[in-house]
Amino acid sequence: MNSRERFLAACWSKPLDRPPVWMMRQAGRYLPEYRSIRAKRSFLEMCKTPELAAEVTMQPIRRFGMDAAIIFSDILIVPEAMGISISYEEGGPRLDPVISTRADLERLRVPADGDLQFTCEALRLVRNQLGGTTALLGFAGAPFTLASYMLESGSPRELIATKSLQYSNPDLLKGLLDRLADSVAWFLEKQVAAGADAVQIFDTWAGNLSPSDYREFALPSAARVIARVRKTGVPVILYINGVAGVLEAASTSGATVMGIDWRMDLTAADGVVGDRAGLQGNLDPAMLFAPVSRIRNEVRRVHSALSRRSGHIFNLGHGILPSTPLEGAAAFIDAVRELD
């Protein structure tokens, strides 16, 4: 069973020789080879230059040999394709204009076939390099998370503007979510056509919602995206940071795999999700700063707790931290690779 076969088998909860492993943000600042490129190019330039995006995507695969590569990109390129200006400042991304009225919503454009081709071309380049041995993931932000960035004009954190709108003008928020759902689904379909074996949807901020608000606002648009992408035949991973409070509802989204952050025990997640979906996760990213022996013990503990489940993909519970030591990342990947 090669890496691609292993990853896809886990997505569909089929028998495995061992769990597959990859890391969110595995192509990133903890790698010296990434920093070498980043020192000369802007972040958006790297995302929008297919050759650079492909090179950065391949860097962790060459170094560590994960079972899956994830294309180097950014979730905010979808709002940009809809007419929103994106800039990256020291405090995080800034979006302009902020969506606050029906007129703002009506001005948003619908992405067309000529949009976001740089990501699709990067996927094709990586697909050619990987061949059929390593899985390739595409990704996008979920409608609710993208809406939060567009409403807050940057990193949402407390979701003040988003929550204010959902209580004062829920129809406007739902209209924005509907438009984003169409754009995200379209983009993910394009990524599958370009060679992605599976896709991950990041709903980073949906864990800040109450269960009832999640069901009303975040879940319908995410489920709509998932239903469209599932028609392409590829598995869909749904990741929500702080998922515990909304996992029961999220597991009805139609996602093939639910990503679990480190704050929730995977055995508890297994009890909630049952056979509706596989599980992905969920080591604390800070665990990779621990001694190698501690990392290995944690991998074995998680594996033992889920030994009866075929549908488990090892990952961190959030993106790898920029200051992570290479030895810690290698220890994690190697420990999973040695499981039986």
C-alpha atoms as a PDB file:
ATOM      1  CA  MET A   1       0.000   0.000   0.000  1.00  0.00           C
ATOM      2  CA  ASN A   2       1.629   3.270  -1.073  1.00  0.00           C
ATOM      3  CA  SER A   3       1.023   6.657   0.552  1.00  0.00           C
ATOM      4  CA  ARG A   4      -1.738   7.715  -1.819  1.00  0.00           C
ATOM      5  CA  GLU A   5      -3.587   4.416  -1.457  1.00  0.00           C
ATOM      6  CA  ARG A   6      -3.197   4.566   2.337  1.00  0.00           C
ATOM      7  CA  PHE A   7      -4.492   8.122   2.588  1.00  0.00           C
ATOM      8  CA  LEU A   8      -7.541   7.502   0.416  1.00  0.00           C
ATOM      9  CA  ALA A   9      -8.326   4.247   2.225  1.00  0.00           C
ATOM     10  CA  ALA A  10      -8.313   6.139   5.526  1.00  0.00           C
ATOM     11  CA  CYS A  11     -10.593   8.833   4.095  1.00  0.00           C
ATOM     12  CA  TRP A  12     -13.127   6.152   3.175  1.00  0.00           C
ATOM     13  CA  SER A  13     -12.616   4.247   6.477  1.00  0.00           C
ATOM     14  CA  LYS A  14     -11.244   1.172   4.740  1.00  0.00           C
ATOM     15  CA  PRO A  15      -8.672  -1.281   6.206  1.00  0.00           C
ATOM     16  CA  LEU A  16      -5.128   0.081   6.545  1.00  0.00           C
ATOM     17  CA  ASP A  17      -1.609  -1.195   7.093  1.00  0.00           C
ATOM     18  CA  ARG A  18      -1.063   1.893   9.299  1.00  0.00           C
ATOM     19  CA  PRO A  19      -2.652   5.347   9.599  1.00  0.00           C
ATOM     20  CA  PRO A  20      -1.510   7.937   7.038  1.00  0.00           C
ATOM     21  CA  VAL A  21       0.081  11.149   8.281  1.00  0.00           C
ATOM     22  CA  TRP A  22       0.472  14.753   7.146  1.00  0.00           C
ATOM     23  CA  MET A  23       0.531  18.119   8.938  1.00  0.00           C
ATOM     24  CA  MET A  24      -1.562  21.219   8.462  1.00  0.00           C
ATOM     25  CA  ARG A  25       0.706  24.076   7.308  1.00  0.00           C
ATOM     26  CA  GLN A  26       3.403  21.497   6.583  1.00  0.00           C
ATOM     27  CA  ALA A  27       4.684  23.787   3.815  1.00  0.00           C
ATOM     28  CA  GLY A  28       5.666  26.774   5.897  1.00  0.00           C
ATOM     29  CA  ARG A  29       7.959  28.895   7.997  1.00  0.00           C
ATOM     30  CA  TYR A  30       9.460  26.121  10.155  1.00  0.00           C
ATOM     31  CA  LEU A  31      11.327  24.887   7.051  1.00  0.00           C
ATOM     32  CA  PRO A  32      14.615  26.651   6.208  1.00  0.00           C
ATOM     33  CA  GLU A  33      14.058  25.998   2.507  1.00  0.00           C
ATOM     34  CA  TYR A  34      10.703  27.796   2.741  1.00  0.00           C
ATOM     35  CA  ARG A  35      12.267  30.754   4.543  1.00  0.00           C
ATOM     36  CA  SER A  36      14.904  30.990   1.825  1.00  0.00           C
ATOM     37  CA  ILE A  37      12.213  31.566  -0.821  1.00  0.00           C
ATOM     38  CA  ARG A  38      10.059  33.750   1.423  1.00  0.00           C
ATOM     39  CA  ALA A  39      12.987  36.105   2.044  1.00  0.00           C
ATOM     40  CA  LYS A  40      12.894  37.058  -1.638  1.00  0.00           C
ATOM     41  CA  ARG A  41       9.168  36.902  -2.445  1.00  0.00           C
ATOM     42  CA  SER A  42       5.936  38.154  -0.900  1.00  0.00           C
ATOM     43  CA  PHE A  43       3.471  35.638   0.484  1.00  0.00           C
ATOM     44  CA  LEU A  44       0.871  36.380  -2.192  1.00  0.00           C
ATOM     45  CA  GLU A  45       3.515  36.221  -4.912  1.00  0.00           C
ATOM     46  CA  MET A  46       4.377  32.718  -3.718  1.00  0.00           C
ATOM     47  CA  CYS A  47       0.707  31.726  -3.758  1.00  0.00           C
ATOM     48  CA  LYS A  48       0.114  33.167  -7.225  1.00  0.00           C
ATOM     49  CA  THR A  49       3.240  31.875  -8.982  1.00  0.00           C
ATOM     50  CA  PRO A  50       2.522  28.226  -9.863  1.00  0.00           C
ATOM     51  CA  GLU A  51       6.174  27.182  -9.954  1.00  0.00           C
ATOM     52  CA  LEU A  52       6.850  28.698  -6.521  1.00  0.00           C
ATOM     53  CA  ALA A  53       3.660  27.277  -5.004  1.00  0.00           C
ATOM     54  CA  ALA A  54       4.522  23.838  -6.384  1.00  0.00           C
ATOM     55  CA  GLU A  55       8.083  24.017  -5.055  1.00  0.00           C
ATOM     56  CA  VAL A  56       6.920  25.021  -1.574  1.00  0.00           C
ATOM     57  CA  THR A  57       4.285  22.262  -1.615  1.00  0.00           C
ATOM     58  CA  MET A  58       6.952  19.669  -2.387  1.00  0.00           C
ATOM     59  CA  GLN A  59       9.492  20.815   0.227  1.00  0.00           C
ATOM     60  CA  PRO A  60       8.043  18.910   3.224  1.00  0.00           C
ATOM     61  CA  ILE A  61       7.418  15.832   1.068  1.00  0.00           C
ATOM     62  CA  ARG A  62      11.080  15.713   0.072  1.00  0.00           C
ATOM     63  CA  ARG A  63      12.247  16.268   3.642  1.00  0.00           C
ATOM     64  CA  PHE A  64       9.816  14.095   5.616  1.00  0.00           C
ATOM     65  CA  GLY A  65       7.898  11.900   3.179  1.00  0.00           C
ATOM     66  CA  MET A  66       4.365  12.511   4.453  1.00  0.00           C
ATOM     67  CA  ASP A  67       1.564  10.444   2.949  1.00  0.00           C
ATOM     68  CA  ALA A  68      -0.139  13.555   1.544  1.00  0.00           C
ATOM     69  CA  ALA A  69       0.925  16.895   0.115  1.00  0.00           C
ATOM     70  CA  ILE A  70      -1.357  19.911   0.473  1.00  0.00           C
ATOM     71  CA  ILE A  71      -1.137  22.637  -2.128  1.00  0.00           C
ATOM     72  CA  PHE A  72       0.477  25.864  -0.950  1.00  0.00           C
ATOM     73  CA  SER A  73      -2.132  28.609  -1.101  1.00  0.00           C
ATOM     74  CA  ASP A  74      -4.304  30.784   1.126  1.00  0.00           C
ATOM     75  CA  ILE A  75      -8.010  30.697   1.928  1.00  0.00           C
ATOM     76  CA  LEU A  76      -8.412  34.429   1.230  1.00  0.00           C
ATOM     77  CA  ILE A  77      -7.769  34.137  -2.500  1.00  0.00           C
ATOM     78  CA  VAL A  78     -11.472  33.297  -2.904  1.00  0.00           C
ATOM     79  CA  PRO A  79     -12.711  36.627  -1.466  1.00  0.00           C
ATOM     80  CA  GLU A  80     -10.056  38.343  -3.577  1.00  0.00           C
ATOM     81  CA  ALA A  81     -11.466  36.675  -6.700  1.00  0.00           C
ATOM     82  CA  MET A  82     -14.871  38.036  -5.660  1.00  0.00           C
ATOM     83  CA  GLY A  83     -13.576  41.616  -5.737  1.00  0.00           C
ATOM     84  CA  ILE A  84     -12.181  42.096  -2.226  1.00  0.00           C
ATOM     85  CA  SER A  85      -8.726  43.657  -1.849  1.00  0.00           C
ATOM     86  CA  ILE A  86      -6.378  41.614   0.369  1.00  0.00           C
ATOM     87  CA  SER A  87      -3.203  42.873   2.026  1.00  0.00           C
ATOM     88  CA  TYR A  88      -1.001  41.242   4.637  1.00  0.00           C
ATOM     89  CA  GLU A  89       0.213  43.390   7.504  1.00  0.00           C
ATOM     90  CA  GLU A  90       2.067  42.646  10.726  1.00  0.00           C
ATOM     91  CA  GLY A  91      -1.181  42.109  12.613  1.00  0.00           C
ATOM     92  CA  GLY A  92      -2.629  39.784   9.979  1.00  0.00           C
ATOM     93  CA  PRO A  93      -4.639  40.094   6.766  1.00  0.00           C
ATOM     94  CA  ARG A  94      -6.660  43.198   5.936  1.00  0.00           C
ATOM     95  CA  LEU A  95      -9.687  43.053   3.640  1.00  0.00           C
ATOM     96  CA  ASP A  96     -11.317  45.979   1.865  1.00  0.00           C
ATOM     97  CA  PRO A  97     -14.102  46.870   1.480  1.00  0.00           C
ATOM     98  CA  VAL A  98     -15.781  45.440   4.558  1.00  0.00           C
ATOM     99  CA  ILE A  99     -19.135  43.841   3.786  1.00  0.00           C
ATOM    100  CA  SER A 100     -21.769  45.642   5.852  1.00  0.00           C
ATOM    101  CA  THR A 101     -24.751  46.358   3.579  1.00  0.00           C
ATOM    102  CA  ARG A 102     -26.872  44.693   0.918  1.00  0.00           C
ATOM    103  CA  ALA A 103     -25.204  46.973  -1.652  1.00  0.00           C
ATOM    104  CA  ASP A 104     -21.788  45.633  -0.598  1.00  0.00           C
ATOM    105  CA  LEU A 105     -23.078  42.107  -1.088  1.00  0.00           C
ATOM    106  CA  GLU A 106     -24.482  42.858  -4.534  1.00  0.00           C
ATOM    107  CA  ARG A 107     -21.135  44.268  -5.676  1.00  0.00           C
ATOM    108  CA  LEU A 108     -19.366  40.952  -5.121  1.00  0.00           C
ATOM    109  CA  ARG A 109     -18.499  39.242  -8.379  1.00  0.00           C
ATOM    110  CA  VAL A 110     -18.867  35.560  -9.161  1.00  0.00           C
ATOM    111  CA  PRO A 111     -15.506  33.901  -9.938  1.00  0.00           C
ATOM    112  CA  ALA A 112     -15.256  32.726 -13.543  1.00  0.00           C
ATOM    113  CA  ASP A 113     -13.158  30.157 -15.369  1.00  0.00           C
ATOM    114  CA  GLY A 114     -10.215  32.518 -15.779  1.00  0.00           C
ATOM    115  CA  ASP A 115      -9.929  33.128 -12.027  1.00  0.00           C
ATOM    116  CA  LEU A 116      -7.575  31.362  -9.618  1.00  0.00           C
ATOM    117  CA  GLN A 117      -5.859  29.476 -12.416  1.00  0.00           C
ATOM    118  CA  PHE A 118      -2.531  29.860 -10.620  1.00  0.00           C
ATOM    119  CA  THR A 119      -3.644  27.404  -7.932  1.00  0.00           C
ATOM    120  CA  CYS A 120      -4.943  24.923 -10.483  1.00  0.00           C
ATOM    121  CA  GLU A 121      -1.687  25.113 -12.434  1.00  0.00           C
ATOM    122  CA  ALA A 122       0.299  24.586  -9.227  1.00  0.00           C
ATOM    123  CA  LEU A 123      -1.814  21.501  -8.520  1.00  0.00           C
ATOM    124  CA  ARG A 124      -1.055  20.136 -11.977  1.00  0.00           C
ATOM    125  CA  LEU A 125       2.668  20.701 -11.469  1.00  0.00           C
ATOM    126  CA  VAL A 126       2.644  18.946  -8.099  1.00  0.00           C
ATOM    127  CA  ARG A 127       0.497  16.109  -9.420  1.00  0.00           C
ATOM    128  CA  ASN A 128       3.095  15.452 -12.106  1.00  0.00           C
ATOM    129  CA  GLN A 129       5.883  15.383  -9.519  1.00  0.00           C
ATOM    130  CA  LEU A 130       4.030  13.133  -7.090  1.00  0.00           C
ATOM    131  CA  GLY A 131       2.796  10.686  -9.689  1.00  0.00           C
ATOM    132  CA  GLY A 132       0.494   8.126  -8.133  1.00  0.00           C
ATOM    133  CA  THR A 133       2.506   7.441  -4.987  1.00  0.00           C
ATOM    134  CA  THR A 134       1.601  10.371  -2.697  1.00  0.00           C
ATOM    135  CA  ALA A 135      -1.851  11.878  -2.160  1.00  0.00           C
ATOM    136  CA  LEU A 136      -2.490  15.500  -3.120  1.00  0.00           C
ATOM    137  CA  LEU A 137      -4.881  17.720  -1.183  1.00  0.00           C
ATOM    138  CA  GLY A 138      -6.601  20.863  -2.368  1.00  0.00           C
ATOM    139  CA  PHE A 139      -8.301  23.188   0.090  1.00  0.00           C
ATOM    140  CA  ALA A 140     -10.440  26.248   0.667  1.00  0.00           C
ATOM    141  CA  GLY A 141     -11.947  28.181   3.522  1.00  0.00           C
ATOM    142  CA  ALA A 142     -15.515  27.380   4.543  1.00  0.00           C
ATOM    143  CA  PRO A 143     -18.146  30.036   3.791  1.00  0.00           C
ATOM    144  CA  PHE A 144     -18.612  31.029   7.439  1.00  0.00           C
ATOM    145  CA  THR A 145     -14.908  31.517   8.060  1.00  0.00           C
ATOM    146  CA  LEU A 146     -14.457  33.509   4.847  1.00  0.00           C
ATOM    147  CA  ALA A 147     -17.500  35.617   5.708  1.00  0.00           C
ATOM    148  CA  SER A 148     -15.978  36.360   9.104  1.00  0.00           C
ATOM    149  CA  TYR A 149     -12.813  37.730   7.507  1.00  0.00           C
ATOM    150  CA  MET A 150     -14.893  39.822   5.110  1.00  0.00           C
ATOM    151  CA  LEU A 151     -17.073  41.235   7.875  1.00  0.00           C
ATOM    152  CA  GLU A 152     -14.289  41.904  10.378  1.00  0.00           C
ATOM    153  CA  SER A 153     -11.811  43.306   7.784  1.00  0.00           C
ATOM    154  CA  GLY A 154      -9.149  40.941   9.047  1.00  0.00           C
ATOM    155  CA  SER A 155      -8.518  38.186  11.562  1.00  0.00           C
ATOM    156  CA  PRO A 156     -11.877  37.721  13.301  1.00  0.00           C
ATOM    157  CA  ARG A 157     -10.796  36.633  16.802  1.00  0.00           C
ATOM    158  CA  GLU A 158     -13.931  37.555  18.776  1.00  0.00           C
ATOM    159  CA  LEU A 159     -16.279  37.685  15.744  1.00  0.00           C
ATOM    160  CA  ILE A 160     -17.845  40.918  16.991  1.00  0.00           C
ATOM    161  CA  ALA A 161     -19.050  42.189  13.601  1.00  0.00           C
ATOM    162  CA  THR A 162     -20.017  38.706  12.435  1.00  0.00           C
ATOM    163  CA  LYS A 163     -22.098  37.890  15.484  1.00  0.00           C
ATOM    164  CA  SER A 164     -23.631  41.352  15.520  1.00  0.00           C
ATOM    165  CA  LEU A 165     -24.796  40.826  11.947  1.00  0.00           C
ATOM    166  CA  GLN A 166     -26.162  37.352  12.589  1.00  0.00           C
ATOM    167  CA  TYR A 167     -28.382  38.769  15.319  1.00  0.00           C
ATOM    168  CA  SER A 168     -29.307  42.105  13.694  1.00  0.00           C
ATOM    169  CA  ASN A 169     -29.525  41.160  10.009  1.00  0.00           C
ATOM    170  CA  PRO A 170     -29.378  37.373   9.617  1.00  0.00           C
ATOM    171  CA  ASP A 171     -30.693  37.512   6.053  1.00  0.00           C
ATOM    172  CA  LEU A 172     -27.713  39.599   4.943  1.00  0.00           C
ATOM    173  CA  LEU A 173     -25.276  37.162   6.544  1.00  0.00           C
ATOM    174  CA  LYS A 174     -27.042  34.201   4.961  1.00  0.00           C
ATOM    175  CA  GLY A 175     -26.945  35.941   1.592  1.00  0.00           C
ATOM    176  CA  LEU A 176     -23.187  36.357   1.929  1.00  0.00           C
ATOM    177  CA  LEU A 177     -22.810  32.721   2.987  1.00  0.00           C
ATOM    178  CA  ASP A 178     -24.805  31.575  -0.045  1.00  0.00           C
ATOM    179  CA  ARG A 179     -22.570  33.527  -2.426  1.00  0.00           C
ATOM    180  CA  LEU A 180     -19.458  32.215  -0.760  1.00  0.00           C
ATOM    181  CA  ALA A 181     -20.756  28.633  -0.865  1.00  0.00           C
ATOM    182  CA  ASP A 182     -21.114  28.829  -4.641  1.00  0.00           C
ATOM    183  CA  SER A 183     -17.641  30.332  -5.064  1.00  0.00           C
ATOM    184  CA  VAL A 184     -15.930  27.868  -2.717  1.00  0.00           C
ATOM    185  CA  ALA A 185     -17.628  24.842  -4.280  1.00  0.00           C
ATOM    186  CA  TRP A 186     -16.662  26.054  -7.760  1.00  0.00           C
ATOM    187  CA  PHE A 187     -13.035  26.526  -6.694  1.00  0.00           C
ATOM    188  CA  LEU A 188     -12.797  23.097  -5.079  1.00  0.00           C
ATOM    189  CA  GLU A 189     -14.298  21.461  -8.161  1.00  0.00           C
ATOM    190  CA  LYS A 190     -11.572  23.183 -10.203  1.00  0.00           C
ATOM    191  CA  GLN A 191      -8.931  21.851  -7.832  1.00  0.00           C
ATOM    192  CA  VAL A 192     -10.210  18.302  -8.205  1.00  0.00           C
ATOM    193  CA  ALA A 193     -10.148  18.654 -11.991  1.00  0.00           C
ATOM    194  CA  ALA A 194      -6.521  19.833 -11.699  1.00  0.00           C
ATOM    195  CA  GLY A 195      -5.461  16.685  -9.849  1.00  0.00           C
ATOM    196  CA  ALA A 196      -6.437  16.907  -6.167  1.00  0.00           C
ATOM    197  CA  ASP A 197      -7.190  13.477  -4.676  1.00  0.00           C
ATOM    198  CA  ALA A 198      -9.138  15.003  -1.783  1.00  0.00           C
ATOM    199  CA  VAL A 199      -9.929  18.439  -0.393  1.00  0.00           C
ATOM    200  CA  GLN A 200      -9.961  19.984   3.053  1.00  0.00           C
ATOM    201  CA  ILE A 201     -12.369  22.743   4.052  1.00  0.00           C
ATOM    202  CA  PHE A 202     -11.108  24.977   6.855  1.00  0.00           C
ATOM    203  CA  ASP A 203     -13.880  26.396   9.051  1.00  0.00           C
ATOM    204  CA  THR A 204     -11.432  27.918  11.489  1.00  0.00           C
ATOM    205  CA  TRP A 205     -13.837  30.294  13.209  1.00  0.00           C
ATOM    206  CA  ALA A 206     -17.012  28.194  13.341  1.00  0.00           C
ATOM    207  CA  GLY A 207     -15.970  26.717  16.684  1.00  0.00           C
ATOM    208  CA  ASN A 208     -16.674  30.145  18.226  1.00  0.00           C
ATOM    209  CA  LEU A 209     -20.400  29.676  17.622  1.00  0.00           C
ATOM    210  CA  SER A 210     -22.955  28.152  19.945  1.00  0.00           C
ATOM    211  CA  PRO A 211     -24.340  24.815  18.718  1.00  0.00           C
ATOM    212  CA  SER A 212     -27.636  26.414  17.681  1.00  0.00           C
ATOM    213  CA  ASP A 213     -25.938  29.288  15.840  1.00  0.00           C
ATOM    214  CA  TYR A 214     -23.604  26.825  14.132  1.00  0.00           C
ATOM    215  CA  ARG A 215     -26.602  24.836  12.868  1.00  0.00           C
ATOM    216  CA  GLU A 216     -28.315  27.975  11.583  1.00  0.00           C
ATOM    217  CA  PHE A 217     -25.398  29.833  10.019  1.00  0.00           C
ATOM    218  CA  ALA A 218     -22.235  27.790   9.420  1.00  0.00           C
ATOM    219  CA  LEU A 219     -23.521  24.275   8.808  1.00  0.00           C
ATOM    220  CA  PRO A 220     -25.920  24.838   5.858  1.00  0.00           C
ATOM    221  CA  SER A 221     -23.349  26.598   3.670  1.00  0.00           C
ATOM    222  CA  ALA A 222     -20.599  24.108   4.533  1.00  0.00           C
ATOM    223  CA  ALA A 223     -22.920  21.193   3.787  1.00  0.00           C
ATOM    224  CA  ARG A 224     -23.865  22.783   0.472  1.00  0.00           C
ATOM    225  CA  VAL A 225     -20.198  23.002  -0.540  1.00  0.00           C
ATOM    226  CA  ILE A 226     -19.516  19.445   0.598  1.00  0.00           C
ATOM    227  CA  ALA A 227     -22.483  18.048  -1.331  1.00  0.00           C
ATOM    228  CA  ARG A 228     -21.231  19.614  -4.559  1.00  0.00           C
ATOM    229  CA  VAL A 229     -17.648  18.482  -4.094  1.00  0.00           C
ATOM    230  CA  ARG A 230     -18.662  14.953  -3.122  1.00  0.00           C
ATOM    231  CA  LYS A 231     -20.273  14.635  -6.561  1.00  0.00           C
ATOM    232  CA  THR A 232     -16.755  14.699  -8.046  1.00  0.00           C
ATOM    233  CA  GLY A 233     -16.034  11.434  -6.239  1.00  0.00           C
ATOM    234  CA  VAL A 234     -13.271  12.687  -3.930  1.00  0.00           C
ATOM    235  CA  PRO A 235     -13.327  12.657  -0.113  1.00  0.00           C
ATOM    236  CA  VAL A 236     -13.851  15.899   1.798  1.00  0.00           C
ATOM    237  CA  ILE A 237     -12.219  16.711   5.147  1.00  0.00           C
ATOM    238  CA  LEU A 238     -13.909  19.345   7.312  1.00  0.00           C
ATOM    239  CA  TYR A 239     -11.688  20.989   9.921  1.00  0.00           C
ATOM    240  CA  ILE A 240     -13.100  23.234  12.659  1.00  0.00           C
ATOM    241  CA  ASN A 241     -10.841  24.741  15.301  1.00  0.00           C
ATOM    242  CA  GLY A 242     -12.520  24.341  18.700  1.00  0.00           C
ATOM    243  CA  VAL A 243     -14.831  21.707  17.281  1.00  0.00           C
ATOM    244  CA  ALA A 244     -16.023  20.039  20.494  1.00  0.00           C
ATOM    245  CA  GLY A 245     -19.158  22.127  20.979  1.00  0.00           C
ATOM    246  CA  VAL A 246     -20.352  21.751  17.391  1.00  0.00           C
ATOM    247  CA  LEU A 247     -18.983  18.326  16.425  1.00  0.00           C
ATOM    248  CA  GLU A 248     -22.314  16.520  16.643  1.00  0.00           C
ATOM    249  CA  ALA A 249     -23.883  18.936  14.173  1.00  0.00           C
ATOM    250  CA  ALA A 250     -20.768  19.188  11.986  1.00  0.00           C
ATOM    251  CA  SER A 251     -20.598  15.422  11.592  1.00  0.00           C
ATOM    252  CA  THR A 252     -23.933  15.587   9.740  1.00  0.00           C
ATOM    253  CA  SER A 253     -22.420  17.905   7.095  1.00  0.00           C
ATOM    254  CA  GLY A 254     -21.647  15.078   4.690  1.00  0.00           C
ATOM    255  CA  ALA A 255     -17.885  15.387   5.218  1.00  0.00           C
ATOM    256  CA  THR A 256     -15.979  12.156   4.677  1.00  0.00           C
ATOM    257  CA  VAL A 257     -13.539  12.987   7.492  1.00  0.00           C
ATOM    258  CA  MET A 258     -13.842  15.309  10.493  1.00  0.00           C
ATOM    259  CA  GLY A 259     -10.684  17.146  11.568  1.00  0.00           C
ATOM    260  CA  ILE A 260     -10.358  17.347  15.357  1.00  0.00           C
ATOM    261  CA  ASP A 261      -8.289  19.942  17.203  1.00  0.00           C
ATOM    262  CA  TRP A 262      -6.142  18.960  20.203  1.00  0.00           C
ATOM    263  CA  ARG A 263      -8.599  20.269  22.807  1.00  0.00           C
ATOM    264  CA  MET A 264     -10.908  17.286  22.283  1.00  0.00           C
ATOM    265  CA  ASP A 265      -9.949  13.716  23.059  1.00  0.00           C
ATOM    266  CA  LEU A 266     -10.133  11.595  19.923  1.00  0.00           C
ATOM    267  CA  THR A 267     -11.948   8.799  21.720  1.00  0.00           C
ATOM    268  CA  ALA A 268     -14.653  11.300  22.703  1.00  0.00           C
ATOM    269  CA  ALA A 269     -14.795  12.521  19.112  1.00  0.00           C
ATOM    270  CA  ASP A 270     -15.108   8.927  17.950  1.00  0.00           C
ATOM    271  CA  GLY A 271     -18.094   8.496  20.239  1.00  0.00           C
ATOM    272  CA  VAL A 272     -19.806  11.562  18.784  1.00  0.00           C
ATOM    273  CA  VAL A 273     -19.035  10.954  15.112  1.00  0.00           C
ATOM    274  CA  GLY A 274     -19.463   7.176  15.058  1.00  0.00           C
ATOM    275  CA  ASP A 275     -19.535   5.756  11.553  1.00  0.00           C
ATOM    276  CA  ARG A 276     -20.698   9.005   9.909  1.00  0.00           C
ATOM    277  CA  ALA A 277     -17.114  10.025   9.080  1.00  0.00           C
ATOM    278  CA  GLY A 278     -13.459   9.261   9.612  1.00  0.00           C
ATOM    279  CA  LEU A 279     -11.320  11.273  12.027  1.00  0.00           C
ATOM    280  CA  GLN A 280      -8.207  13.370  11.481  1.00  0.00           C
ATOM    281  CA  GLY A 281      -5.869  14.673  14.171  1.00  0.00           C
ATOM    282  CA  ASN A 282      -5.040  15.623  16.716  1.00  0.00           C
ATOM    283  CA  LEU A 283      -1.685  16.167  18.445  1.00  0.00           C
ATOM    284  CA  ASP A 284      -1.177  19.544  20.088  1.00  0.00           C
ATOM    285  CA  PRO A 285       1.205  21.419  17.744  1.00  0.00           C
ATOM    286  CA  ALA A 286       3.290  22.307  20.816  1.00  0.00           C
ATOM    287  CA  MET A 287       3.914  18.582  21.352  1.00  0.00           C
ATOM    288  CA  LEU A 288       6.537  18.781  18.598  1.00  0.00           C
ATOM    289  CA  PHE A 289       8.726  20.835  20.958  1.00  0.00           C
ATOM    290  CA  ALA A 290       8.842  17.877  23.379  1.00  0.00           C
ATOM    291  CA  PRO A 291      11.603  15.256  23.588  1.00  0.00           C
ATOM    292  CA  VAL A 292      11.459  12.668  20.822  1.00  0.00           C
ATOM    293  CA  SER A 293      10.520   9.929  23.290  1.00  0.00           C
ATOM    294  CA  ARG A 294       7.514  11.958  24.482  1.00  0.00           C
ATOM    295  CA  ILE A 295       6.333  12.532  20.908  1.00  0.00           C
ATOM    296  CA  ARG A 296       6.611   8.834  20.118  1.00  0.00           C
ATOM    297  CA  ASN A 297       4.702   7.869  23.264  1.00  0.00           C
ATOM    298  CA  GLU A 298       1.890  10.287  22.400  1.00  0.00           C
ATOM    299  CA  VAL A 299       1.592   8.879  18.881  1.00  0.00           C
ATOM    300  CA  ARG A 300       1.372   5.348  20.284  1.00  0.00           C
ATOM    301  CA  ARG A 301      -1.209   6.437  22.875  1.00  0.00           C
ATOM    302  CA  VAL A 302      -3.483   7.982  20.259  1.00  0.00           C
ATOM    303  CA  HIS A 303      -3.084   5.018  17.944  1.00  0.00           C
ATOM    304  CA  SER A 304      -3.902   2.550  20.718  1.00  0.00           C
ATOM    305  CA  ALA A 305      -7.037   4.488  21.676  1.00  0.00           C
ATOM    306  CA  LEU A 306      -8.291   4.325  18.073  1.00  0.00           C
ATOM    307  CA  SER A 307      -6.968   0.880  17.187  1.00  0.00           C
ATOM    308  CA  ARG A 308     -10.424  -0.404  16.260  1.00  0.00           C
ATOM    309  CA  ARG A 309     -11.024   2.429  13.765  1.00  0.00           C
ATOM    310  CA  SER A 310      -9.764   2.233  10.174  1.00  0.00           C
ATOM    311  CA  GLY A 311     -10.701   5.796   9.305  1.00  0.00           C
ATOM    312  CA  HIS A 312      -8.012   7.723  11.175  1.00  0.00           C
ATOM    313  CA  ILE A 313      -5.547  10.159   9.603  1.00  0.00           C
ATOM    314  CA  PHE A 314      -2.754  11.328  11.895  1.00  0.00           C
ATOM    315  CA  ASN A 315      -2.284  15.095  11.926  1.00  0.00           C
ATOM    316  CA  LEU A 316      -1.779  17.931  14.336  1.00  0.00           C
ATOM    317  CA  GLY A 317      -4.804  19.549  15.930  1.00  0.00           C
ATOM    318  CA  HIS A 318      -3.929  22.835  14.200  1.00  0.00           C
ATOM    319  CA  GLY A 319      -1.202  24.123  11.893  1.00  0.00           C
ATOM    320  CA  ILE A 320       2.433  23.425  12.714  1.00  0.00           C
ATOM    321  CA  LEU A 321       3.972  26.366  14.584  1.00  0.00           C
ATOM    322  CA  PRO A 322       6.601  28.475  12.774  1.00  0.00           C
ATOM    323  CA  SER A 323       9.274  27.873  15.435  1.00  0.00           C
ATOM    324  CA  THR A 324       8.793  24.088  15.527  1.00  0.00           C
ATOM    325  CA  PRO A 325      12.133  22.228  15.599  1.00  0.00           C
ATOM    326  CA  LEU A 326      12.724  20.034  12.570  1.00  0.00           C
ATOM    327  CA  GLU A 327      13.601  17.164  14.902  1.00  0.00           C
ATOM    328  CA  GLY A 328      10.128  17.293  16.438  1.00  0.00           C
ATOM    329  CA  ALA A 329       8.381  17.248  13.072  1.00  0.00           C
ATOM    330  CA  ALA A 330      10.550  14.343  11.923  1.00  0.00           C
ATOM    331  CA  ALA A 331       9.897  12.425  15.136  1.00  0.00           C
ATOM    332  CA  PHE A 332       6.134  12.756  14.658  1.00  0.00           C
ATOM    333  CA  ILE A 333       6.174  11.572  11.045  1.00  0.00           C
ATOM    334  CA  ASP A 334       8.594   8.730  11.802  1.00  0.00           C
ATOM    335  CA  ALA A 335       6.598   7.558  14.823  1.00  0.00           C
ATOM    336  CA  VAL A 336       3.433   7.237  12.742  1.00  0.00           C
ATOM    337  CA  ARG A 337       5.315   5.523   9.934  1.00  0.00           C
ATOM    338  CA  GLU A 338       6.552   2.889  12.384  1.00  0.00           C
ATOM    339  CA  LEU A 339       3.054   1.952  13.596  1.00  0.00           C
ATOM    340  CA  ASP A 340       1.494  -1.350  12.618  1.00  0.00           C
END
